[in-house]
Amino acid sequence: MAGLQICRCSPYIVPPGTPKDRVEILQDAFRKTFKDHEFHRDFPKLVREDPEPLMPEVLAPVIRSVPCDTEVTELLRTPSGAGPPPR
């Protein structure tokens, strides 16, 4: 389809109530990583794609806009481990 873009990303999401200073530490670390020339040099060697990082200030509003469904939220709270997957 024309104009369709697929975003392959791995956002890091912290739980509600995470202290603001901890969130800022993580965001700053990602900003520094994404600006590091070694990251841009080595990333394609690992995943065979060029990096297209999204800065925290771009990604955060997108994550906040995702609707919260009670069933999905409960599923995500279920820890993975031995046994059958949750239903």
Foldseek 3Di string as FASTA:
>chain_A
DPPDDDDDDDDDDDDPPDDPVVVVVVLVVVVVLVPDVVNQVCVCVVVVDGDDDDRPVRVVVVVVPDDDDPVVVVLVVDDDDDDDRDD
